[in-house]
Amino acid sequence: MSLLERALADRGEMRRGDLGDLVGCKYWGPGRFARALKTAAEQGRIKRTGFGRYGPAA
Protein backbone atom coordinates (compact mmCIF):
# COMPACT_ATOMS: atom_id res chain seq x y z
CA MET A 1 0.00 0.00 0.00
CA SER A 2 2.89 2.37 0.54
CA LEU A 3 3.61 1.99 -3.17
CA LEU A 4 0.14 3.37 -3.91
CA GLU A 5 0.67 6.22 -1.44
CA ARG A 6 4.01 7.19 -2.99
CA ALA A 7 2.69 7.03 -6.55
CA LEU A 8 -0.26 9.28 -5.71
CA ALA A 9 1.92 11.67 -3.69
CA ASP A 10 4.29 12.01 -6.66
CA ARG A 11 1.72 12.21 -9.46
CA GLY A 12 -1.43 13.48 -7.76
CA GLU A 13 -4.96 12.33 -8.54
CA MET A 14 -5.27 9.69 -11.23
CA ARG A 15 -7.57 7.11 -12.71
CA ARG A 16 -7.52 3.60 -11.29
CA GLY A 17 -6.17 2.11 -14.52
CA ASP A 18 -3.36 4.64 -14.80
CA LEU A 19 -2.40 4.06 -11.18
CA GLY A 20 -2.41 0.31 -11.77
CA ASP A 21 -0.14 0.68 -14.79
CA LEU A 22 2.22 2.93 -12.83
CA VAL A 23 2.63 0.46 -9.96
CA GLY A 24 2.72 -2.66 -12.16
CA CYS A 25 -0.43 -4.24 -10.72
CA LYS A 26 -0.68 -6.80 -13.52
CA TYR A 27 2.15 -8.68 -11.79
CA TRP A 28 0.53 -8.63 -8.34
CA GLY A 29 -1.85 -11.53 -8.80
CA PRO A 30 -5.62 -11.68 -9.09
CA GLY A 31 -7.56 -9.27 -6.89
CA ARG A 32 -4.59 -7.87 -5.01
CA PHE A 33 -4.67 -4.41 -6.57
CA ALA A 34 -8.37 -3.96 -5.83
CA ARG A 35 -7.86 -5.12 -2.23
CA ALA A 36 -4.88 -2.82 -1.78
CA LEU A 37 -6.87 0.17 -3.07
CA LYS A 38 -9.83 -0.63 -0.84
CA THR A 39 -7.69 -1.17 2.26
CA ALA A 40 -5.57 1.94 1.70
CA ALA A 41 -8.70 4.07 1.23
CA GLU A 42 -10.38 2.60 4.33
CA GLN A 43 -7.26 3.31 6.40
CA GLY A 44 -7.09 6.88 5.12
CA ARG A 45 -3.75 6.39 3.41
CA ILE A 46 -5.22 7.42 0.04
CA LYS A 47 -8.61 8.85 -0.85
CA ARG A 48 -11.16 8.04 -3.48
CA THR A 49 -11.88 11.28 -5.31
CA GLY A 50 -14.55 10.11 -7.72
CA PHE A 51 -15.72 7.15 -9.74
CA GLY A 52 -12.55 5.16 -10.44
CA ARG A 53 -10.25 8.00 -9.34
CA TYR A 54 -7.85 8.15 -6.40
CA GLY A 55 -5.64 10.82 -4.89
CA PRO A 56 -3.23 11.36 -2.03
CA ALA A 57 -4.75 11.48 1.44
CA ALA A 58 -3.34 14.88 2.34
PDB file of N, CA and C in Angstrom:
ATOM      1  N   MET A   1       0.811  -1.192   0.000  1.00  0.00           N
ATOM      2  CA  MET A   1       0.000   0.000   0.000  1.00  0.00           C
ATOM      3  C   MET A   1       0.855   1.255   0.000  1.00  0.00           C
ATOM      4  N   SER A   2       2.041   1.181   0.560  1.00  0.00           N
ATOM      5  CA  SER A   2       2.893   2.368   0.545  1.00  0.00           C
ATOM      6  C   SER A   2       3.286   2.720  -0.888  1.00  0.00           C
ATOM      7  N   LEU A   3       3.322   1.732  -1.765  1.00  0.00           N
ATOM      8  CA  LEU A   3       3.606   1.989  -3.174  1.00  0.00           C
ATOM      9  C   LEU A   3       2.500   2.852  -3.781  1.00  0.00           C
ATOM     10  N   LEU A   4       1.266   2.565  -3.435  1.00  0.00           N
ATOM     11  CA  LEU A   4       0.137   3.371  -3.909  1.00  0.00           C
ATOM     12  C   LEU A   4       0.225   4.789  -3.353  1.00  0.00           C
ATOM     13  N   GLU A   5       0.542   4.905  -2.077  1.00  0.00           N
ATOM     14  CA  GLU A   5       0.674   6.223  -1.443  1.00  0.00           C
ATOM     15  C   GLU A   5       1.743   7.060  -2.133  1.00  0.00           C
ATOM     16  N   ARG A   6       2.901   6.460  -2.359  1.00  0.00           N
ATOM     17  CA  ARG A   6       4.010   7.189  -2.987  1.00  0.00           C
ATOM     18  C   ARG A   6       3.661   7.614  -4.403  1.00  0.00           C
ATOM     19  N   ALA A   7       3.045   6.712  -5.164  1.00  0.00           N
ATOM     20  CA  ALA A   7       2.686   7.029  -6.546  1.00  0.00           C
ATOM     21  C   ALA A   7       1.717   8.208  -6.595  1.00  0.00           C
ATOM     22  N   LEU A   8       0.721   8.198  -5.717  1.00  0.00           N
ATOM     23  CA  LEU A   8      -0.256   9.283  -5.708  1.00  0.00           C
ATOM     24  C   LEU A   8       0.341  10.576  -5.164  1.00  0.00           C
ATOM     25  N   ALA A   9       1.250  10.471  -4.211  1.00  0.00           N
ATOM     26  CA  ALA A   9       1.917  11.668  -3.689  1.00  0.00           C
ATOM     27  C   ALA A   9       2.773  12.320  -4.776  1.00  0.00           C
ATOM     28  N   ASP A  10       3.421  11.495  -5.592  1.00  0.00           N
ATOM     29  CA  ASP A  10       4.287  12.009  -6.657  1.00  0.00           C
ATOM     30  C   ASP A  10       3.500  12.560  -7.840  1.00  0.00           C
ATOM     31  N   ARG A  11       2.443  11.864  -8.233  1.00  0.00           N
ATOM     32  CA  ARG A  11       1.719  12.207  -9.462  1.00  0.00           C
ATOM     33  C   ARG A  11       0.389  12.912  -9.242  1.00  0.00           C
ATOM     34  N   GLY A  12      -0.128  12.868  -8.029  1.00  0.00           N
ATOM     35  CA  GLY A  12      -1.428  13.476  -7.761  1.00  0.00           C
ATOM     36  C   GLY A  12      -2.574  12.554  -8.157  1.00  0.00           C
ATOM     37  N   GLU A  13      -3.756  13.109  -8.231  1.00  0.00           N
ATOM     38  CA  GLU A  13      -4.958  12.329  -8.535  1.00  0.00           C
ATOM     39  C   GLU A  13      -4.839  11.657  -9.903  1.00  0.00           C
ATOM     40  N   MET A  14      -5.304  10.407  -9.955  1.00  0.00           N
ATOM     41  CA  MET A  14      -5.269   9.692 -11.232  1.00  0.00           C
ATOM     42  C   MET A  14      -6.345   8.624 -11.297  1.00  0.00           C
ATOM     43  N   ARG A  15      -6.598   8.173 -12.504  1.00  0.00           N
ATOM     44  CA  ARG A  15      -7.570   7.105 -12.707  1.00  0.00           C
ATOM     45  C   ARG A  15      -6.994   5.791 -12.206  1.00  0.00           C
ATOM     46  N   ARG A  16      -7.900   4.906 -11.824  1.00  0.00           N
ATOM     47  CA  ARG A  16      -7.521   3.596 -11.285  1.00  0.00           C
ATOM     48  C   ARG A  16      -6.606   2.840 -12.253  1.00  0.00           C
ATOM     49  N   GLY A  17      -6.960   2.828 -13.527  1.00  0.00           N
ATOM     50  CA  GLY A  17      -6.169   2.111 -14.523  1.00  0.00           C
ATOM     51  C   GLY A  17      -4.773   2.674 -14.684  1.00  0.00           C
ATOM     52  N   ASP A  18      -4.674   4.001 -14.679  1.00  0.00           N
ATOM     53  CA  ASP A  18      -3.362   4.642 -14.800  1.00  0.00           C
ATOM     54  C   ASP A  18      -2.500   4.357 -13.577  1.00  0.00           C
ATOM     55  N   LEU A  19      -3.120   4.381 -12.408  1.00  0.00           N
ATOM     56  CA  LEU A  19      -2.401   4.059 -11.177  1.00  0.00           C
ATOM     57  C   LEU A  19      -1.918   2.609 -11.214  1.00  0.00           C
ATOM     58  N   GLY A  20      -2.779   1.717 -11.663  1.00  0.00           N
ATOM     59  CA  GLY A  20      -2.407   0.311 -11.775  1.00  0.00           C
ATOM     60  C   GLY A  20      -1.233   0.096 -12.712  1.00  0.00           C
ATOM     61  N   ASP A  21      -1.255   0.784 -13.848  1.00  0.00           N
ATOM     62  CA  ASP A  21      -0.140   0.678 -14.794  1.00  0.00           C
ATOM     63  C   ASP A  21       1.150   1.198 -14.168  1.00  0.00           C
ATOM     64  N   LEU A  22       1.046   2.304 -13.451  1.00  0.00           N
ATOM     65  CA  LEU A  22       2.218   2.928 -12.834  1.00  0.00           C
ATOM     66  C   LEU A  22       2.878   2.015 -11.804  1.00  0.00           C
ATOM     67  N   VAL A  23       2.076   1.309 -11.019  1.00  0.00           N
ATOM     68  CA  VAL A  23       2.632   0.458  -9.960  1.00  0.00           C
ATOM     69  C   VAL A  23       2.821  -0.996 -10.399  1.00  0.00           C
ATOM     70  N   GLY A  24       2.500  -1.307 -11.646  1.00  0.00           N
ATOM     71  CA  GLY A  24       2.719  -2.663 -12.156  1.00  0.00           C
ATOM     72  C   GLY A  24       1.780  -3.703 -11.576  1.00  0.00           C
ATOM     73  N   CYS A  25       0.519  -3.344 -11.396  1.00  0.00           N
ATOM     74  CA  CYS A  25      -0.425  -4.244 -10.720  1.00  0.00           C
ATOM     75  C   CYS A  25      -0.684  -5.536 -11.487  1.00  0.00           C
ATOM     76  N   LYS A  26      -0.410  -5.567 -12.779  1.00  0.00           N
ATOM     77  CA  LYS A  26      -0.677  -6.805 -13.523  1.00  0.00           C
ATOM     78  C   LYS A  26       0.221  -7.952 -13.063  1.00  0.00           C
ATOM     79  N   TYR A  27       1.248  -7.643 -12.319  1.00  0.00           N
ATOM     80  CA  TYR A  27       2.148  -8.675 -11.794  1.00  0.00           C
ATOM     81  C   TYR A  27       1.837  -9.045 -10.345  1.00  0.00           C
ATOM     82  N   TRP A  28       0.842  -8.419  -9.750  1.00  0.00           N
ATOM     83  CA  TRP A  28       0.532  -8.626  -8.336  1.00  0.00           C
ATOM     84  C   TRP A  28      -0.261  -9.885  -8.058  1.00  0.00           C
ATOM     85  N   GLY A  29      -0.973 -10.378  -9.027  1.00  0.00           N
ATOM     86  CA  GLY A  29      -1.854 -11.528  -8.800  1.00  0.00           C
ATOM     87  C   GLY A  29      -3.298 -11.081  -8.755  1.00  0.00           C
ATOM     88  N   PRO A  30      -4.206 -12.022  -8.976  1.00  0.00           N
ATOM     89  CA  PRO A  30      -5.622 -11.682  -9.091  1.00  0.00           C
ATOM     90  C   PRO A  30      -6.205 -11.052  -7.825  1.00  0.00           C
ATOM     91  N   GLY A  31      -6.853  -9.913  -7.991  1.00  0.00           N
ATOM     92  CA  GLY A  31      -7.565  -9.271  -6.895  1.00  0.00           C
ATOM     93  C   GLY A  31      -6.730  -8.462  -5.924  1.00  0.00           C
ATOM     94  N   ARG A  32      -5.426  -8.549  -6.008  1.00  0.00           N
ATOM     95  CA  ARG A  32      -4.588  -7.866  -5.010  1.00  0.00           C
ATOM     96  C   ARG A  32      -4.605  -6.349  -5.144  1.00  0.00           C
ATOM     97  N   PHE A  33      -4.640  -5.859  -6.366  1.00  0.00           N
ATOM     98  CA  PHE A  33      -4.666  -4.412  -6.567  1.00  0.00           C
ATOM     99  C   PHE A  33      -5.962  -3.822  -6.015  1.00  0.00           C
ATOM    100  N   ALA A  34      -7.075  -4.441  -6.323  1.00  0.00           N
ATOM    101  CA  ALA A  34      -8.373  -3.960  -5.827  1.00  0.00           C
ATOM    102  C   ALA A  34      -8.409  -3.974  -4.303  1.00  0.00           C
ATOM    103  N   ARG A  35      -7.893  -5.039  -3.696  1.00  0.00           N
ATOM    104  CA  ARG A  35      -7.860  -5.121  -2.232  1.00  0.00           C
ATOM    105  C   ARG A  35      -6.952  -4.052  -1.643  1.00  0.00           C
ATOM    106  N   ALA A  36      -5.811  -3.834  -2.280  1.00  0.00           N
ATOM    107  CA  ALA A  36      -4.877  -2.819  -1.783  1.00  0.00           C
ATOM    108  C   ALA A  36      -5.500  -1.425  -1.855  1.00  0.00           C
ATOM    109  N   LEU A  37      -6.190  -1.120  -2.952  1.00  0.00           N
ATOM    110  CA  LEU A  37      -6.870   0.171  -3.072  1.00  0.00           C
ATOM    111  C   LEU A  37      -7.928   0.336  -1.993  1.00  0.00           C
ATOM    112  N   LYS A  38      -8.743  -0.688  -1.822  1.00  0.00           N
ATOM    113  CA  LYS A  38      -9.827  -0.630  -0.840  1.00  0.00           C
ATOM    114  C   LYS A  38      -9.276  -0.450   0.570  1.00  0.00           C
ATOM    115  N   THR A  39      -8.273  -1.239   0.920  1.00  0.00           N
ATOM    116  CA  THR A  39      -7.689  -1.175   2.258  1.00  0.00           C
ATOM    117  C   THR A  39      -7.024   0.177   2.511  1.00  0.00           C
ATOM    118  N   ALA A  40      -6.253   0.652   1.539  1.00  0.00           N
ATOM    119  CA  ALA A  40      -5.568   1.939   1.699  1.00  0.00           C
ATOM    120  C   ALA A  40      -6.575   3.078   1.865  1.00  0.00           C
ATOM    121  N   ALA A  41      -7.664   3.035   1.117  1.00  0.00           N
ATOM    122  CA  ALA A  41      -8.696   4.074   1.234  1.00  0.00           C
ATOM    123  C   ALA A  41      -9.407   3.984   2.581  1.00  0.00           C
ATOM    124  N   GLU A  42      -9.712   2.777   3.028  1.00  0.00           N
ATOM    125  CA  GLU A  42     -10.376   2.601   4.327  1.00  0.00           C
ATOM    126  C   GLU A  42      -9.499   3.074   5.479  1.00  0.00           C
ATOM    127  N   GLN A  43      -8.190   2.895   5.350  1.00  0.00           N
ATOM    128  CA  GLN A  43      -7.260   3.308   6.396  1.00  0.00           C
ATOM    129  C   GLN A  43      -6.889   4.791   6.301  1.00  0.00           C
ATOM    130  N   GLY A  44      -7.374   5.465   5.283  1.00  0.00           N
ATOM    131  CA  GLY A  44      -7.090   6.885   5.124  1.00  0.00           C
ATOM    132  C   GLY A  44      -5.722   7.182   4.548  1.00  0.00           C
ATOM    133  N   ARG A  45      -5.079   6.189   3.980  1.00  0.00           N
ATOM    134  CA  ARG A  45      -3.745   6.388   3.413  1.00  0.00           C
ATOM    135  C   ARG A  45      -3.815   7.018   2.025  1.00  0.00           C
ATOM    136  N   ILE A  46      -4.907   6.771   1.312  1.00  0.00           N
ATOM    137  CA  ILE A  46      -5.217   7.416   0.042  1.00  0.00           C
ATOM    138  C   ILE A  46      -6.699   7.771   0.103  1.00  0.00           C
ATOM    139  N   LYS A  47      -7.173   8.564  -0.851  1.00  0.00           N
ATOM    140  CA  LYS A  47      -8.610   8.850  -0.848  1.00  0.00           C
ATOM    141  C   LYS A  47      -9.195   8.637  -2.233  1.00  0.00           C
ATOM    142  N   ARG A  48     -10.422   8.196  -2.230  1.00  0.00           N
ATOM    143  CA  ARG A  48     -11.159   8.044  -3.476  1.00  0.00           C
ATOM    144  C   ARG A  48     -11.763   9.402  -3.796  1.00  0.00           C
ATOM    145  N   THR A  49     -11.456   9.923  -4.972  1.00  0.00           N
ATOM    146  CA  THR A  49     -11.878  11.279  -5.312  1.00  0.00           C
ATOM    147  C   THR A  49     -13.057  11.316  -6.267  1.00  0.00           C
ATOM    148  N   GLY A  50     -13.434  10.187  -6.787  1.00  0.00           N
ATOM    149  CA  GLY A  50     -14.550  10.110  -7.721  1.00  0.00           C
ATOM    150  C   GLY A  50     -14.655   8.698  -8.236  1.00  0.00           C
ATOM    151  N   PHE A  51     -15.537   8.488  -9.189  1.00  0.00           N
ATOM    152  CA  PHE A  51     -15.719   7.150  -9.738  1.00  0.00           C
ATOM    153  C   PHE A  51     -14.436   6.696 -10.437  1.00  0.00           C
ATOM    154  N   GLY A  52     -13.770   5.705  -9.848  1.00  0.00           N
ATOM    155  CA  GLY A  52     -12.548   5.163 -10.440  1.00  0.00           C
ATOM    156  C   GLY A  52     -11.344   6.081 -10.366  1.00  0.00           C
ATOM    157  N   ARG A  53     -11.371   7.067  -9.474  1.00  0.00           N
ATOM    158  CA  ARG A  53     -10.253   8.001  -9.339  1.00  0.00           C
ATOM    159  C   ARG A  53      -9.773   8.022  -7.892  1.00  0.00           C
ATOM    160  N   TYR A  54      -8.462   8.140  -7.731  1.00  0.00           N
ATOM    161  CA  TYR A  54      -7.851   8.154  -6.404  1.00  0.00           C
ATOM    162  C   TYR A  54      -6.832   9.276  -6.335  1.00  0.00           C
ATOM    163  N   GLY A  55      -6.606   9.755  -5.111  1.00  0.00           N
ATOM    164  CA  GLY A  55      -5.641  10.817  -4.895  1.00  0.00           C
ATOM    165  C   GLY A  55      -4.938  10.625  -3.565  1.00  0.00           C
ATOM    166  N   PRO A  56      -3.932  11.447  -3.312  1.00  0.00           N
ATOM    167  CA  PRO A  56      -3.232  11.357  -2.026  1.00  0.00           C
ATOM    168  C   PRO A  56      -4.155  11.754  -0.883  1.00  0.00           C
ATOM    169  N   ALA A  57      -3.901  11.224   0.278  1.00  0.00           N
ATOM    170  CA  ALA A  57      -4.753  11.483   1.443  1.00  0.00           C
ATOM    171  C   ALA A  57      -4.664  12.926   1.914  1.00  0.00           C
ATOM    172  N   ALA A  58      -3.499  13.503   1.824  1.00  0.00           N
ATOM    173  CA  ALA A  58      -3.344  14.883   2.336  1.00  0.00           C
ATOM    174  C   ALA A  58      -2.915  15.831   1.248  1.00  0.00           C
TER     175      ALA A  58
END
